[in-house]
Amino acid sequence: MLTGIFIIWLVTAAGLWLVTLLVPGVRSRSMTGLLWAALVLGLINASIRPLLWILTLPLTVFSFGLFALLINAFMIRMTASLVRDFEVDSFADALLAAVIMALLAIIGFIFLQWLMFDAVFWMQMGTGHHQYQIHI
């Protein structure tokens, strides 16, 4: 279990590092600051985010899940306010960072399925509940 948490922490740090390369308004002054930001973001996501998801569930459903990006942007902005060496200039930069982190999570999910099962499984709900398998 501890190994899994450590791996998730490192993957989050790598994602934040990629965000600092792609978004000019998101900066980390040092690798230590980036690691601290990943740790704080993980703790915030584990503690505060579930409560925000429950409180904003109607908005998330109404916006077809897009409001979740605003919550994630808020979490990134909160992380920047708590970690001295991690900076986010504006909420728009945090929103772009949240979109990039979400895309990285999707890519990571696909890669993990491909790595573990040698295929990516997509479910299509319908009358027959067909399951499609894509070999990469």
C-alpha atoms as a PDB file:
ATOM      1  CA  MET A   1       0.000   0.000   0.000  1.00  0.00           C
ATOM      2  CA  LEU A   2       2.801   2.397   0.870  1.00  0.00           C
ATOM      3  CA  THR A   3       4.498   1.630  -2.432  1.00  0.00           C
ATOM      4  CA  GLY A   4       1.307   2.503  -4.314  1.00  0.00           C
ATOM      5  CA  ILE A   5       1.002   5.832  -2.513  1.00  0.00           C
ATOM      6  CA  PHE A   6       4.653   6.590  -3.276  1.00  0.00           C
ATOM      7  CA  ILE A   7       4.149   5.788  -6.974  1.00  0.00           C
ATOM      8  CA  ILE A   8       1.023   7.976  -7.154  1.00  0.00           C
ATOM      9  CA  TRP A   9       2.984  10.805  -5.494  1.00  0.00           C
ATOM     10  CA  LEU A  10       5.798  10.517  -8.042  1.00  0.00           C
ATOM     11  CA  VAL A  11       3.353  10.343 -10.953  1.00  0.00           C
ATOM     12  CA  THR A  12       1.571  13.453  -9.642  1.00  0.00           C
ATOM     13  CA  ALA A  13       4.922  15.220  -9.361  1.00  0.00           C
ATOM     14  CA  ALA A  14       5.762  14.224 -12.943  1.00  0.00           C
ATOM     15  CA  GLY A  15       2.383  15.543 -14.091  1.00  0.00           C
ATOM     16  CA  LEU A  16       2.931  18.829 -12.304  1.00  0.00           C
ATOM     17  CA  TRP A  17       6.395  19.065 -13.833  1.00  0.00           C
ATOM     18  CA  LEU A  18       4.876  18.614 -17.296  1.00  0.00           C
ATOM     19  CA  VAL A  19       2.292  21.282 -16.476  1.00  0.00           C
ATOM     20  CA  THR A  20       5.094  23.700 -15.524  1.00  0.00           C
ATOM     21  CA  LEU A  21       6.623  23.104 -18.949  1.00  0.00           C
ATOM     22  CA  LEU A  22       3.354  23.611 -20.863  1.00  0.00           C
ATOM     23  CA  VAL A  23       1.619  26.411 -18.943  1.00  0.00           C
ATOM     24  CA  PRO A  24       3.626  29.644 -18.639  1.00  0.00           C
ATOM     25  CA  GLY A  25       1.651  30.782 -15.585  1.00  0.00           C
ATOM     26  CA  VAL A  26       2.533  27.691 -13.523  1.00  0.00           C
ATOM     27  CA  ARG A  27       6.061  27.585 -12.111  1.00  0.00           C
ATOM     28  CA  SER A  28       8.104  25.640  -9.627  1.00  0.00           C
ATOM     29  CA  ARG A  29      11.314  27.187  -8.335  1.00  0.00           C
ATOM     30  CA  SER A  30      12.900  23.858  -7.454  1.00  0.00           C
ATOM     31  CA  MET A  31      12.431  20.116  -7.663  1.00  0.00           C
ATOM     32  CA  THR A  32      11.814  20.098  -3.921  1.00  0.00           C
ATOM     33  CA  GLY A  33       9.007  22.606  -4.383  1.00  0.00           C
ATOM     34  CA  LEU A  34       7.510  20.396  -7.064  1.00  0.00           C
ATOM     35  CA  LEU A  35       7.638  17.347  -4.793  1.00  0.00           C
ATOM     36  CA  TRP A  36       6.060  19.339  -1.949  1.00  0.00           C
ATOM     37  CA  ALA A  37       3.346  20.574  -4.318  1.00  0.00           C
ATOM     38  CA  ALA A  38       2.572  16.988  -5.364  1.00  0.00           C
ATOM     39  CA  LEU A  39       2.361  15.937  -1.719  1.00  0.00           C
ATOM     40  CA  VAL A  40       0.127  18.850  -0.724  1.00  0.00           C
ATOM     41  CA  LEU A  41      -2.074  18.354  -3.793  1.00  0.00           C
ATOM     42  CA  GLY A  42      -2.475  14.696  -2.885  1.00  0.00           C
ATOM     43  CA  LEU A  43      -3.408  15.551   0.705  1.00  0.00           C
ATOM     44  CA  ILE A  44      -5.884  18.206  -0.433  1.00  0.00           C
ATOM     45  CA  ASN A  45      -7.412  15.811  -2.952  1.00  0.00           C
ATOM     46  CA  ALA A  46      -7.753  13.161  -0.259  1.00  0.00           C
ATOM     47  CA  SER A  47      -9.274  15.449   2.375  1.00  0.00           C
ATOM     48  CA  ILE A  48     -11.079  18.488   0.955  1.00  0.00           C
ATOM     49  CA  ARG A  49     -11.992  17.418  -2.576  1.00  0.00           C
ATOM     50  CA  PRO A  50     -14.489  14.667  -1.616  1.00  0.00           C
ATOM     51  CA  LEU A  51     -16.506  17.190   0.397  1.00  0.00           C
ATOM     52  CA  LEU A  52     -16.479  19.661  -2.494  1.00  0.00           C
ATOM     53  CA  TRP A  53     -17.564  16.919  -4.909  1.00  0.00           C
ATOM     54  CA  ILE A  54     -20.561  16.082  -2.725  1.00  0.00           C
ATOM     55  CA  LEU A  55     -21.530  19.726  -2.230  1.00  0.00           C
ATOM     56  CA  THR A  56     -21.264  20.518  -5.942  1.00  0.00           C
ATOM     57  CA  LEU A  57     -22.722  17.278  -7.287  1.00  0.00           C
ATOM     58  CA  PRO A  58     -25.784  18.961  -8.853  1.00  0.00           C
ATOM     59  CA  LEU A  59     -23.551  21.434 -10.717  1.00  0.00           C
ATOM     60  CA  THR A  60     -21.246  18.636 -11.846  1.00  0.00           C
ATOM     61  CA  VAL A  61     -24.160  16.586 -13.158  1.00  0.00           C
ATOM     62  CA  PHE A  62     -25.776  19.619 -14.801  1.00  0.00           C
ATOM     63  CA  SER A  63     -22.506  20.523 -16.569  1.00  0.00           C
ATOM     64  CA  PHE A  64     -21.846  16.899 -17.624  1.00  0.00           C
ATOM     65  CA  GLY A  65     -18.756  16.749 -15.398  1.00  0.00           C
ATOM     66  CA  LEU A  66     -17.109  19.945 -16.591  1.00  0.00           C
ATOM     67  CA  PHE A  67     -17.580  21.589 -13.198  1.00  0.00           C
ATOM     68  CA  ALA A  68     -15.160  18.978 -11.850  1.00  0.00           C
ATOM     69  CA  LEU A  69     -12.414  20.775 -13.776  1.00  0.00           C
ATOM     70  CA  LEU A  70     -13.194  23.941 -11.819  1.00  0.00           C
ATOM     71  CA  ILE A  71     -12.878  21.994  -8.567  1.00  0.00           C
ATOM     72  CA  ASN A  72      -9.538  20.574  -9.711  1.00  0.00           C
ATOM     73  CA  ALA A  73      -8.363  24.055 -10.706  1.00  0.00           C
ATOM     74  CA  PHE A  74      -9.344  25.307  -7.255  1.00  0.00           C
ATOM     75  CA  MET A  75      -7.314  22.464  -5.686  1.00  0.00           C
ATOM     76  CA  ILE A  76      -4.258  23.406  -7.779  1.00  0.00           C
ATOM     77  CA  ARG A  77      -4.670  27.066  -6.856  1.00  0.00           C
ATOM     78  CA  MET A  78      -4.976  26.119  -3.174  1.00  0.00           C
ATOM     79  CA  THR A  79      -1.811  24.034  -3.452  1.00  0.00           C
ATOM     80  CA  ALA A  80       0.030  27.027  -4.890  1.00  0.00           C
ATOM     81  CA  SER A  81      -1.075  29.164  -1.952  1.00  0.00           C
ATOM     82  CA  LEU A  82       0.268  26.603   0.531  1.00  0.00           C
ATOM     83  CA  VAL A  83       3.575  25.655  -1.130  1.00  0.00           C
ATOM     84  CA  ARG A  84       6.137  28.451  -1.215  1.00  0.00           C
ATOM     85  CA  ASP A  85       8.109  27.240  -4.258  1.00  0.00           C
ATOM     86  CA  PHE A  86       5.060  26.437  -6.415  1.00  0.00           C
ATOM     87  CA  GLU A  87       3.308  29.331  -8.150  1.00  0.00           C
ATOM     88  CA  VAL A  88       0.136  29.696 -10.218  1.00  0.00           C
ATOM     89  CA  ASP A  89      -0.457  33.180 -11.636  1.00  0.00           C
ATOM     90  CA  SER A  90      -4.199  33.076 -12.258  1.00  0.00           C
ATOM     91  CA  PHE A  91      -7.245  30.871 -12.050  1.00  0.00           C
ATOM     92  CA  ALA A  92      -7.145  30.504 -15.847  1.00  0.00           C
ATOM     93  CA  ASP A  93      -3.649  29.018 -15.541  1.00  0.00           C
ATOM     94  CA  ALA A  94      -4.912  26.679 -12.818  1.00  0.00           C
ATOM     95  CA  LEU A  95      -7.822  25.665 -15.063  1.00  0.00           C
ATOM     96  CA  LEU A  96      -5.474  24.903 -17.941  1.00  0.00           C
ATOM     97  CA  ALA A  97      -3.290  22.931 -15.534  1.00  0.00           C
ATOM     98  CA  ALA A  98      -6.369  20.973 -14.387  1.00  0.00           C
ATOM     99  CA  VAL A  99      -7.263  20.138 -17.990  1.00  0.00           C
ATOM    100  CA  ILE A 100      -3.716  18.938 -18.681  1.00  0.00           C
ATOM    101  CA  MET A 101      -3.663  16.868 -15.487  1.00  0.00           C
ATOM    102  CA  ALA A 102      -7.023  15.307 -16.457  1.00  0.00           C
ATOM    103  CA  LEU A 103      -5.721  14.438 -19.918  1.00  0.00           C
ATOM    104  CA  LEU A 104      -2.595  12.929 -18.358  1.00  0.00           C
ATOM    105  CA  ALA A 105      -4.805  10.847 -16.057  1.00  0.00           C
ATOM    106  CA  ILE A 106      -6.768   9.526 -19.051  1.00  0.00           C
ATOM    107  CA  ILE A 107      -3.563   8.708 -20.925  1.00  0.00           C
ATOM    108  CA  GLY A 108      -2.174   7.051 -17.794  1.00  0.00           C
ATOM    109  CA  PHE A 109      -5.331   4.963 -17.397  1.00  0.00           C
ATOM    110  CA  ILE A 110      -5.122   3.777 -21.007  1.00  0.00           C
ATOM    111  CA  PHE A 111      -1.403   3.047 -20.708  1.00  0.00           C
ATOM    112  CA  LEU A 112      -1.891   1.153 -17.446  1.00  0.00           C
ATOM    113  CA  GLN A 113      -4.610  -1.040 -18.976  1.00  0.00           C
ATOM    114  CA  TRP A 114      -2.438  -1.670 -22.008  1.00  0.00           C
ATOM    115  CA  LEU A 115       0.544  -2.510 -19.802  1.00  0.00           C
ATOM    116  CA  MET A 116      -1.393  -4.813 -17.474  1.00  0.00           C
ATOM    117  CA  PHE A 117      -3.786  -6.496 -19.884  1.00  0.00           C
ATOM    118  CA  ASP A 118      -2.081  -5.993 -23.269  1.00  0.00           C
ATOM    119  CA  ALA A 119      -5.321  -4.355 -24.420  1.00  0.00           C
ATOM    120  CA  VAL A 120      -7.536  -1.388 -23.659  1.00  0.00           C
ATOM    121  CA  PHE A 121     -11.126  -2.247 -22.705  1.00  0.00           C
ATOM    122  CA  TRP A 122     -13.911   0.203 -23.484  1.00  0.00           C
ATOM    123  CA  MET A 123     -17.462  -0.413 -22.333  1.00  0.00           C
ATOM    124  CA  GLN A 124     -20.425   0.620 -24.418  1.00  0.00           C
ATOM    125  CA  MET A 125     -23.712   0.487 -22.583  1.00  0.00           C
ATOM    126  CA  GLY A 126     -26.601  -0.578 -24.739  1.00  0.00           C
ATOM    127  CA  THR A 127     -29.109  -3.353 -25.099  1.00  0.00           C
ATOM    128  CA  GLY A 128     -26.480  -6.060 -25.399  1.00  0.00           C
ATOM    129  CA  HIS A 129     -23.796  -4.543 -23.128  1.00  0.00           C
ATOM    130  CA  HIS A 130     -21.106  -5.144 -25.731  1.00  0.00           C
ATOM    131  CA  GLN A 131     -17.507  -4.856 -24.708  1.00  0.00           C
ATOM    132  CA  TYR A 132     -14.962  -3.695 -27.246  1.00  0.00           C
ATOM    133  CA  GLN A 133     -11.322  -4.536 -27.003  1.00  0.00           C
ATOM    134  CA  ILE A 134      -8.653  -2.501 -28.758  1.00  0.00           C
ATOM    135  CA  HIS A 135      -5.211  -4.008 -29.180  1.00  0.00           C
ATOM    136  CA  ILE A 136      -2.419  -1.494 -29.384  1.00  0.00           C
END
